[in-house]
Amino acid sequence: MSLITQLIGLIGIGLLTGSVVGLTGASGVVVVVPLLTVLLGFSMHTAIGTSLFVDVITPLFVAWSYYKNGNVNIKSGLWLALGAIIGAQIGSLLANQSLSGGQMGVGFIVMIFIMAIAMWRKSMLPSKARLDVENIQPLNPKKILASIGIGLLLGGMSGMVGAGGGMAFLLVLILVLKYPIHKAIGTSSLIMALTAASGTVGYALHGNVNFLSGLIVAVGSIIGGLLTSKLANKVSEKTLEKIVSGVFACLGVLMIFTSDF
């Protein structure tokens, strides 16, 4: 593969990744990893480490776009983020020492389809059952401890298999802390960036991050993320939830046909 072809491929992967992150708040890992492994021949561990590095950069721009529209609320999710940062370190250590590529692939697919089903079910709720911004649950000691515990679990998952972080954060923010979907996507993007930074450090310590390829992917990803996040902030809650569900389902099918178990 020529250098130019590889460069075009990396930018294309970035554009698709940013579009997914901007529309869903999900981790770009679910796009970057299968494409890096199938198209460019990266090992599973290096693909995950590199995609986590991309996930440090892209979600920050997406979160900023949502923040400008008043759709980031880190206060209620702060303890979730703290637990996730610590969990990502633990998970990345375990992944680099004991997990195979096949096990990581299974983790991707399971989480993607869980989120697709959850988002579709939420999109079918009647309007009177939907939650507004004012319904975000207040914090108390019990909820803080629960948030830290869930963050540890989700951060560990993200560190081990690369995927699941952004999607799972989105699920927790919506179903546990009762965020509306726009605010959940903006906030989960910010938490995801912090978690990915922790995971990237873990993979880099084992030499499993290609920083140059990650930067190229990030360029395309930022462009795609900013464009689609603007679109996402303008569409209705139900429409966005259906889009999110469809994107996850398509990614899950893609992973089934591209993963090497």
C-alpha atoms as a PDB file:
ATOM      1  CA  MET A   1       0.000   0.000   0.000  1.00  0.00           C
ATOM      2  CA  SER A   2       1.434   3.381  -1.037  1.00  0.00           C
ATOM      3  CA  LEU A   3       1.936   6.216   1.397  1.00  0.00           C
ATOM      4  CA  ILE A   4      -0.698   8.353  -0.363  1.00  0.00           C
ATOM      5  CA  THR A   5      -3.247   5.528  -0.295  1.00  0.00           C
ATOM      6  CA  GLN A   6      -2.591   4.971   3.395  1.00  0.00           C
ATOM      7  CA  LEU A   7      -2.928   8.694   4.091  1.00  0.00           C
ATOM      8  CA  ILE A   8      -6.264   8.881   2.252  1.00  0.00           C
ATOM      9  CA  GLY A   9      -7.433   5.793   4.126  1.00  0.00           C
ATOM     10  CA  LEU A  10      -6.539   7.286   7.507  1.00  0.00           C
ATOM     11  CA  ILE A  11      -8.331  10.562   6.741  1.00  0.00           C
ATOM     12  CA  GLY A  12     -11.387   8.655   5.487  1.00  0.00           C
ATOM     13  CA  ILE A  13     -11.465   6.593   8.666  1.00  0.00           C
ATOM     14  CA  GLY A  14     -11.255   9.847  10.600  1.00  0.00           C
ATOM     15  CA  LEU A  15     -14.209  11.420   8.767  1.00  0.00           C
ATOM     16  CA  LEU A  16     -16.388   8.379   9.453  1.00  0.00           C
ATOM     17  CA  THR A  17     -15.225   8.229  13.068  1.00  0.00           C
ATOM     18  CA  GLY A  18     -15.994  11.883  13.715  1.00  0.00           C
ATOM     19  CA  SER A  19     -19.434  11.486  12.172  1.00  0.00           C
ATOM     20  CA  VAL A  20     -20.251   8.617  14.530  1.00  0.00           C
ATOM     21  CA  VAL A  21     -18.937  10.479  17.584  1.00  0.00           C
ATOM     22  CA  GLY A  22     -20.770  13.683  16.652  1.00  0.00           C
ATOM     23  CA  LEU A  23     -24.095  11.918  16.113  1.00  0.00           C
ATOM     24  CA  THR A  24     -23.971   9.480  18.999  1.00  0.00           C
ATOM     25  CA  GLY A  25     -21.419  10.535  21.605  1.00  0.00           C
ATOM     26  CA  ALA A  26     -20.060   6.993  21.262  1.00  0.00           C
ATOM     27  CA  SER A  27     -16.427   6.011  21.294  1.00  0.00           C
ATOM     28  CA  GLY A  28     -14.731   6.302  17.905  1.00  0.00           C
ATOM     29  CA  VAL A  29     -12.966   3.055  18.762  1.00  0.00           C
ATOM     30  CA  VAL A  30     -15.874   1.072  17.315  1.00  0.00           C
ATOM     31  CA  VAL A  31     -15.087   2.563  13.897  1.00  0.00           C
ATOM     32  CA  VAL A  32     -11.314   3.002  14.041  1.00  0.00           C
ATOM     33  CA  VAL A  33     -10.380  -0.458  15.329  1.00  0.00           C
ATOM     34  CA  PRO A  34     -12.061  -2.653  12.681  1.00  0.00           C
ATOM     35  CA  LEU A  35     -10.965  -0.371   9.844  1.00  0.00           C
ATOM     36  CA  LEU A  36      -7.363  -0.105  11.026  1.00  0.00           C
ATOM     37  CA  THR A  37      -7.115  -3.869  11.411  1.00  0.00           C
ATOM     38  CA  VAL A  38      -8.927  -4.847   8.205  1.00  0.00           C
ATOM     39  CA  LEU A  39      -7.766  -2.080   5.843  1.00  0.00           C
ATOM     40  CA  LEU A  40      -4.324  -1.194   7.186  1.00  0.00           C
ATOM     41  CA  GLY A  41      -3.228  -4.392   8.920  1.00  0.00           C
ATOM     42  CA  PHE A  42      -2.798  -3.019  12.444  1.00  0.00           C
ATOM     43  CA  SER A  43      -2.661  -5.550  15.279  1.00  0.00           C
ATOM     44  CA  MET A  44      -5.706  -5.470  17.568  1.00  0.00           C
ATOM     45  CA  HIS A  45      -3.754  -4.051  20.495  1.00  0.00           C
ATOM     46  CA  THR A  46      -2.121  -1.295  18.414  1.00  0.00           C
ATOM     47  CA  ALA A  47      -5.442  -0.473  16.732  1.00  0.00           C
ATOM     48  CA  ILE A  48      -7.123  -0.068  20.120  1.00  0.00           C
ATOM     49  CA  GLY A  49      -4.277   1.981  21.583  1.00  0.00           C
ATOM     50  CA  THR A  50      -4.219   4.265  18.535  1.00  0.00           C
ATOM     51  CA  SER A  51      -7.994   4.680  18.507  1.00  0.00           C
ATOM     52  CA  LEU A  52      -7.997   5.578  22.199  1.00  0.00           C
ATOM     53  CA  PHE A  53      -5.524   8.335  21.325  1.00  0.00           C
ATOM     54  CA  VAL A  54      -7.977   9.589  18.673  1.00  0.00           C
ATOM     55  CA  ASP A  55     -10.694   9.425  21.332  1.00  0.00           C
ATOM     56  CA  VAL A  56      -8.746  11.920  23.407  1.00  0.00           C
ATOM     57  CA  ILE A  57      -8.869  14.519  20.641  1.00  0.00           C
ATOM     58  CA  THR A  58     -12.149  14.170  18.725  1.00  0.00           C
ATOM     59  CA  PRO A  59     -14.633  14.106  21.644  1.00  0.00           C
ATOM     60  CA  LEU A  60     -13.204  17.343  23.037  1.00  0.00           C
ATOM     61  CA  PHE A  61     -14.233  19.191  19.878  1.00  0.00           C
ATOM     62  CA  VAL A  62     -17.612  17.460  19.826  1.00  0.00           C
ATOM     63  CA  ALA A  63     -18.163  18.303  23.508  1.00  0.00           C
ATOM     64  CA  TRP A  64     -17.311  21.932  22.791  1.00  0.00           C
ATOM     65  CA  SER A  65     -19.936  22.068  20.039  1.00  0.00           C
ATOM     66  CA  TYR A  66     -22.555  20.644  22.425  1.00  0.00           C
ATOM     67  CA  TYR A  67     -21.369  22.964  25.211  1.00  0.00           C
ATOM     68  CA  LYS A  68     -22.026  26.020  23.034  1.00  0.00           C
ATOM     69  CA  ASN A  69     -25.614  24.798  22.714  1.00  0.00           C
ATOM     70  CA  GLY A  70     -25.926  24.341  26.481  1.00  0.00           C
ATOM     71  CA  ASN A  71     -25.740  20.557  26.217  1.00  0.00           C
ATOM     72  CA  VAL A  72     -22.849  19.688  28.558  1.00  0.00           C
ATOM     73  CA  ASN A  73     -23.385  19.187  32.284  1.00  0.00           C
ATOM     74  CA  ILE A  74     -20.275  17.680  33.887  1.00  0.00           C
ATOM     75  CA  LYS A  75     -21.328  18.407  37.468  1.00  0.00           C
ATOM     76  CA  SER A  76     -23.553  15.366  37.853  1.00  0.00           C
ATOM     77  CA  GLY A  77     -21.155  13.204  35.828  1.00  0.00           C
ATOM     78  CA  LEU A  78     -17.935  14.273  37.552  1.00  0.00           C
ATOM     79  CA  TRP A  79     -17.720  11.247  39.861  1.00  0.00           C
ATOM     80  CA  LEU A  80     -18.528   8.948  36.968  1.00  0.00           C
ATOM     81  CA  ALA A  81     -15.557  10.458  35.103  1.00  0.00           C
ATOM     82  CA  LEU A  82     -13.231  10.059  38.097  1.00  0.00           C
ATOM     83  CA  GLY A  83     -14.033   6.371  38.438  1.00  0.00           C
ATOM     84  CA  ALA A  84     -13.665   5.861  34.678  1.00  0.00           C
ATOM     85  CA  ILE A  85     -10.191   7.430  34.556  1.00  0.00           C
ATOM     86  CA  ILE A  86      -8.948   5.073  37.265  1.00  0.00           C
ATOM     87  CA  GLY A  87     -10.743   2.088  35.725  1.00  0.00           C
ATOM     88  CA  ALA A  88      -9.200   2.748  32.296  1.00  0.00           C
ATOM     89  CA  GLN A  89      -5.719   2.394  33.768  1.00  0.00           C
ATOM     90  CA  ILE A  90      -6.620  -0.939  35.324  1.00  0.00           C
ATOM     91  CA  GLY A  91      -8.350  -2.185  32.170  1.00  0.00           C
ATOM     92  CA  SER A  92      -5.527  -1.227  29.813  1.00  0.00           C
ATOM     93  CA  LEU A  93      -3.026  -3.037  32.034  1.00  0.00           C
ATOM     94  CA  LEU A  94      -5.111  -6.224  31.924  1.00  0.00           C
ATOM     95  CA  ALA A  95      -5.698  -5.956  28.159  1.00  0.00           C
ATOM     96  CA  ASN A  96      -2.025  -5.642  27.304  1.00  0.00           C
ATOM     97  CA  GLN A  97      -1.166  -8.641  29.436  1.00  0.00           C
ATOM     98  CA  SER A  98      -4.004 -11.131  29.028  1.00  0.00           C
ATOM     99  CA  LEU A  99      -6.735 -10.358  26.431  1.00  0.00           C
ATOM    100  CA  SER A 100      -6.681 -11.769  22.880  1.00  0.00           C
ATOM    101  CA  GLY A 101      -7.933  -9.954  19.794  1.00  0.00           C
ATOM    102  CA  GLY A 102     -10.944 -12.270  19.571  1.00  0.00           C
ATOM    103  CA  GLN A 103     -12.023 -11.496  23.124  1.00  0.00           C
ATOM    104  CA  MET A 104     -11.806  -7.775  22.383  1.00  0.00           C
ATOM    105  CA  GLY A 105     -13.953  -8.226  19.273  1.00  0.00           C
ATOM    106  CA  VAL A 106     -16.688  -9.981  21.228  1.00  0.00           C
ATOM    107  CA  GLY A 107     -16.713  -7.113  23.737  1.00  0.00           C
ATOM    108  CA  PHE A 108     -17.187  -4.598  20.894  1.00  0.00           C
ATOM    109  CA  ILE A 109     -20.155  -6.378  19.373  1.00  0.00           C
ATOM    110  CA  VAL A 110     -22.047  -7.069  22.596  1.00  0.00           C
ATOM    111  CA  MET A 111     -21.852  -3.431  23.751  1.00  0.00           C
ATOM    112  CA  ILE A 112     -22.824  -2.019  20.359  1.00  0.00           C
ATOM    113  CA  PHE A 113     -26.025  -4.075  20.122  1.00  0.00           C
ATOM    114  CA  ILE A 114     -26.976  -3.346  23.735  1.00  0.00           C
ATOM    115  CA  MET A 115     -26.828   0.363  22.958  1.00  0.00           C
ATOM    116  CA  ALA A 116     -28.729  -0.025  19.667  1.00  0.00           C
ATOM    117  CA  ILE A 117     -31.601  -1.756  21.454  1.00  0.00           C
ATOM    118  CA  ALA A 118     -31.597   0.712  24.382  1.00  0.00           C
ATOM    119  CA  MET A 119     -31.714   3.759  22.114  1.00  0.00           C
ATOM    120  CA  TRP A 120     -34.473   2.323  19.927  1.00  0.00           C
ATOM    121  CA  ARG A 121     -36.618   1.495  22.943  1.00  0.00           C
ATOM    122  CA  LYS A 122     -36.161   5.005  24.332  1.00  0.00           C
ATOM    123  CA  SER A 123     -37.125   6.556  20.983  1.00  0.00           C
ATOM    124  CA  MET A 124     -40.467   4.754  21.197  1.00  0.00           C
ATOM    125  CA  LEU A 125     -41.458   6.257  24.556  1.00  0.00           C
ATOM    126  CA  PRO A 126     -44.480   8.612  24.422  1.00  0.00           C
ATOM    127  CA  SER A 127     -43.716  12.311  24.763  1.00  0.00           C
ATOM    128  CA  LYS A 128     -45.161  12.568  28.277  1.00  0.00           C
ATOM    129  CA  ALA A 129     -42.719   9.902  29.499  1.00  0.00           C
ATOM    130  CA  ARG A 130     -39.638  11.754  28.263  1.00  0.00           C
ATOM    131  CA  LEU A 131     -37.374  13.725  30.590  1.00  0.00           C
ATOM    132  CA  ASP A 132     -36.422  17.380  30.349  1.00  0.00           C
ATOM    133  CA  VAL A 133     -33.183  19.056  31.388  1.00  0.00           C
ATOM    134  CA  GLU A 134     -34.642  19.987  34.774  1.00  0.00           C
ATOM    135  CA  ASN A 135     -35.120  16.290  35.613  1.00  0.00           C
ATOM    136  CA  ILE A 136     -31.388  15.489  35.889  1.00  0.00           C
ATOM    137  CA  GLN A 137     -31.065  13.669  39.180  1.00  0.00           C
ATOM    138  CA  PRO A 138     -29.376  15.594  42.055  1.00  0.00           C
ATOM    139  CA  LEU A 139     -26.288  14.080  43.645  1.00  0.00           C
ATOM    140  CA  ASN A 140     -26.217  12.572  47.120  1.00  0.00           C
ATOM    141  CA  PRO A 141     -23.582  10.392  48.874  1.00  0.00           C
ATOM    142  CA  LYS A 142     -25.222   7.171  47.685  1.00  0.00           C
ATOM    143  CA  LYS A 143     -25.398   8.346  44.078  1.00  0.00           C
ATOM    144  CA  ILE A 144     -21.798   9.607  44.221  1.00  0.00           C
ATOM    145  CA  LEU A 145     -20.541   6.190  45.365  1.00  0.00           C
ATOM    146  CA  ALA A 146     -22.647   4.482  42.715  1.00  0.00           C
ATOM    147  CA  SER A 147     -21.278   6.835  40.038  1.00  0.00           C
ATOM    148  CA  ILE A 148     -17.679   6.105  41.044  1.00  0.00           C
ATOM    149  CA  GLY A 149     -18.349   2.370  41.034  1.00  0.00           C
ATOM    150  CA  ILE A 150     -20.030   2.454  37.627  1.00  0.00           C
ATOM    151  CA  GLY A 151     -17.218   4.655  36.321  1.00  0.00           C
ATOM    152  CA  LEU A 152     -14.604   2.134  37.496  1.00  0.00           C
ATOM    153  CA  LEU A 153     -16.459  -0.649  35.707  1.00  0.00           C
ATOM    154  CA  LEU A 154     -16.970   1.289  32.474  1.00  0.00           C
ATOM    155  CA  GLY A 155     -13.459   2.711  32.500  1.00  0.00           C
ATOM    156  CA  GLY A 156     -12.072  -0.776  32.998  1.00  0.00           C
ATOM    157  CA  MET A 157     -14.160  -2.021  30.076  1.00  0.00           C
ATOM    158  CA  SER A 158     -12.919   0.816  27.885  1.00  0.00           C
ATOM    159  CA  GLY A 159      -9.326   0.116  28.860  1.00  0.00           C
ATOM    160  CA  MET A 160      -9.644  -3.616  28.199  1.00  0.00           C
ATOM    161  CA  VAL A 161     -11.524  -3.739  24.891  1.00  0.00           C
ATOM    162  CA  GLY A 162     -11.298  -0.117  23.789  1.00  0.00           C
ATOM    163  CA  ALA A 163     -15.025   0.055  23.043  1.00  0.00           C
ATOM    164  CA  GLY A 164     -17.948   0.595  25.326  1.00  0.00           C
ATOM    165  CA  GLY A 165     -16.738   3.686  27.121  1.00  0.00           C
ATOM    166  CA  GLY A 166     -18.651   6.400  25.309  1.00  0.00           C
ATOM    167  CA  MET A 167     -21.681   4.228  24.613  1.00  0.00           C
ATOM    168  CA  ALA A 168     -21.895   2.965  28.179  1.00  0.00           C
ATOM    169  CA  PHE A 169     -21.400   6.471  29.612  1.00  0.00           C
ATOM    170  CA  LEU A 170     -24.247   7.605  27.368  1.00  0.00           C
ATOM    171  CA  LEU A 171     -26.449   4.796  28.660  1.00  0.00           C
ATOM    172  CA  VAL A 172     -25.682   5.576  32.322  1.00  0.00           C
ATOM    173  CA  LEU A 173     -26.251   9.307  31.886  1.00  0.00           C
ATOM    174  CA  ILE A 174     -29.630   8.665  30.246  1.00  0.00           C
ATOM    175  CA  LEU A 175     -30.971   5.789  32.325  1.00  0.00           C
ATOM    176  CA  VAL A 176     -29.332   6.377  35.735  1.00  0.00           C
ATOM    177  CA  LEU A 177     -28.742  10.135  36.000  1.00  0.00           C
ATOM    178  CA  LYS A 178     -31.751  10.914  33.777  1.00  0.00           C
ATOM    179  CA  TYR A 179     -30.038  13.199  31.253  1.00  0.00           C
ATOM    180  CA  PRO A 180     -31.973  14.087  28.061  1.00  0.00           C
ATOM    181  CA  ILE A 181     -30.170  12.690  25.019  1.00  0.00           C
ATOM    182  CA  HIS A 182     -28.605  15.931  23.696  1.00  0.00           C
ATOM    183  CA  LYS A 183     -27.094  16.753  27.083  1.00  0.00           C
ATOM    184  CA  ALA A 184     -26.093  13.108  27.572  1.00  0.00           C
ATOM    185  CA  ILE A 185     -24.205  13.026  24.266  1.00  0.00           C
ATOM    186  CA  GLY A 186     -22.352  16.285  25.015  1.00  0.00           C
ATOM    187  CA  THR A 187     -21.423  15.224  28.537  1.00  0.00           C
ATOM    188  CA  SER A 188     -20.470  11.658  27.596  1.00  0.00           C
ATOM    189  CA  SER A 189     -18.144  13.046  24.899  1.00  0.00           C
ATOM    190  CA  LEU A 190     -16.232  15.004  27.525  1.00  0.00           C
ATOM    191  CA  ILE A 191     -16.071  12.067  29.958  1.00  0.00           C
ATOM    192  CA  MET A 192     -14.962   9.815  27.108  1.00  0.00           C
ATOM    193  CA  ALA A 193     -12.044  12.095  26.257  1.00  0.00           C
ATOM    194  CA  LEU A 194     -10.800  12.008  29.843  1.00  0.00           C
ATOM    195  CA  THR A 195     -11.165   8.218  30.031  1.00  0.00           C
ATOM    196  CA  ALA A 196      -9.444   7.698  26.676  1.00  0.00           C
ATOM    197  CA  ALA A 197      -6.489   9.807  27.830  1.00  0.00           C
ATOM    198  CA  SER A 198      -6.020   7.460  30.762  1.00  0.00           C
ATOM    199  CA  GLY A 199      -6.297   4.375  28.537  1.00  0.00           C
ATOM    200  CA  THR A 200      -3.899   5.820  25.972  1.00  0.00           C
ATOM    201  CA  VAL A 201      -1.204   6.188  28.614  1.00  0.00           C
ATOM    202  CA  GLY A 202      -1.635   2.524  29.546  1.00  0.00           C
ATOM    203  CA  TYR A 203      -1.294   1.313  25.938  1.00  0.00           C
ATOM    204  CA  ALA A 204       1.576   3.710  25.166  1.00  0.00           C
ATOM    205  CA  LEU A 205       3.591   2.268  28.046  1.00  0.00           C
ATOM    206  CA  HIS A 206       3.461  -1.084  26.209  1.00  0.00           C
ATOM    207  CA  GLY A 207       4.325   0.446  22.812  1.00  0.00           C
ATOM    208  CA  ASN A 208       0.817  -0.086  21.416  1.00  0.00           C
ATOM    209  CA  VAL A 209      -0.014   3.444  20.181  1.00  0.00           C
ATOM    210  CA  ASN A 210       0.806   4.721  16.673  1.00  0.00           C
ATOM    211  CA  PHE A 211       0.695   8.452  17.405  1.00  0.00           C
ATOM    212  CA  LEU A 212       1.316   9.616  13.815  1.00  0.00           C
ATOM    213  CA  SER A 213      -1.540   7.558  12.369  1.00  0.00           C
ATOM    214  CA  GLY A 214      -3.703   8.650  15.281  1.00  0.00           C
ATOM    215  CA  LEU A 215      -3.085  12.323  14.535  1.00  0.00           C
ATOM    216  CA  ILE A 216      -4.006  11.864  10.872  1.00  0.00           C
ATOM    217  CA  VAL A 217      -7.220  10.045  11.770  1.00  0.00           C
ATOM    218  CA  ALA A 218      -7.967  12.784  14.312  1.00  0.00           C
ATOM    219  CA  VAL A 219      -7.820  15.500  11.620  1.00  0.00           C
ATOM    220  CA  GLY A 220     -10.594  13.857   9.621  1.00  0.00           C
ATOM    221  CA  SER A 221     -12.420  12.924  12.792  1.00  0.00           C
ATOM    222  CA  ILE A 222     -12.552  16.506  14.054  1.00  0.00           C
ATOM    223  CA  ILE A 223     -14.047  17.700  10.769  1.00  0.00           C
ATOM    224  CA  GLY A 224     -16.650  14.944  10.710  1.00  0.00           C
ATOM    225  CA  GLY A 225     -17.445  15.397  14.390  1.00  0.00           C
ATOM    226  CA  LEU A 226     -18.006  19.131  14.192  1.00  0.00           C
ATOM    227  CA  LEU A 227     -20.233  18.868  11.123  1.00  0.00           C
ATOM    228  CA  THR A 228     -22.464  16.104  12.464  1.00  0.00           C
ATOM    229  CA  SER A 229     -22.681  17.479  16.019  1.00  0.00           C
ATOM    230  CA  LYS A 230     -24.138  20.699  14.584  1.00  0.00           C
ATOM    231  CA  LEU A 231     -26.749  18.616  12.791  1.00  0.00           C
ATOM    232  CA  ALA A 232     -27.474  16.557  15.907  1.00  0.00           C
ATOM    233  CA  ASN A 233     -28.154  19.655  18.008  1.00  0.00           C
ATOM    234  CA  LYS A 234     -30.894  20.728  15.563  1.00  0.00           C
ATOM    235  CA  VAL A 235     -32.916  17.527  15.221  1.00  0.00           C
ATOM    236  CA  SER A 236     -35.589  16.288  17.635  1.00  0.00           C
ATOM    237  CA  GLU A 237     -34.879  13.927  20.528  1.00  0.00           C
ATOM    238  CA  LYS A 238     -36.817  11.039  18.970  1.00  0.00           C
ATOM    239  CA  THR A 239     -35.198  11.450  15.562  1.00  0.00           C
ATOM    240  CA  LEU A 240     -31.708  11.579  17.057  1.00  0.00           C
ATOM    241  CA  GLU A 241     -32.386   8.475  19.152  1.00  0.00           C
ATOM    242  CA  LYS A 242     -33.476   6.545  16.057  1.00  0.00           C
ATOM    243  CA  ILE A 243     -30.336   7.697  14.221  1.00  0.00           C
ATOM    244  CA  VAL A 244     -28.191   6.626  17.176  1.00  0.00           C
ATOM    245  CA  SER A 245     -29.843   3.196  17.252  1.00  0.00           C
ATOM    246  CA  GLY A 246     -29.370   2.694  13.515  1.00  0.00           C
ATOM    247  CA  VAL A 247     -25.713   3.720  13.602  1.00  0.00           C
ATOM    248  CA  PHE A 248     -24.982   1.302  16.446  1.00  0.00           C
ATOM    249  CA  ALA A 249     -26.774  -1.564  14.696  1.00  0.00           C
ATOM    250  CA  CYS A 250     -24.822  -0.973  11.472  1.00  0.00           C
ATOM    251  CA  LEU A 251     -21.541  -0.859  13.364  1.00  0.00           C
ATOM    252  CA  GLY A 252     -22.405  -4.092  15.137  1.00  0.00           C
ATOM    253  CA  VAL A 253     -23.044  -5.855  11.821  1.00  0.00           C
ATOM    254  CA  LEU A 254     -19.792  -4.427  10.438  1.00  0.00           C
ATOM    255  CA  MET A 255     -17.878  -5.788  13.428  1.00  0.00           C
ATOM    256  CA  ILE A 256     -19.396  -9.261  12.980  1.00  0.00           C
ATOM    257  CA  PHE A 257     -18.172  -9.474   9.381  1.00  0.00           C
ATOM    258  CA  THR A 258     -14.742  -7.906   9.978  1.00  0.00           C
ATOM    259  CA  SER A 259     -13.667  -9.328  13.340  1.00  0.00           C
ATOM    260  CA  ASP A 260     -11.316 -12.305  13.461  1.00  0.00           C
ATOM    261  CA  PHE A 261     -12.500 -14.453  16.373  1.00  0.00           C
END
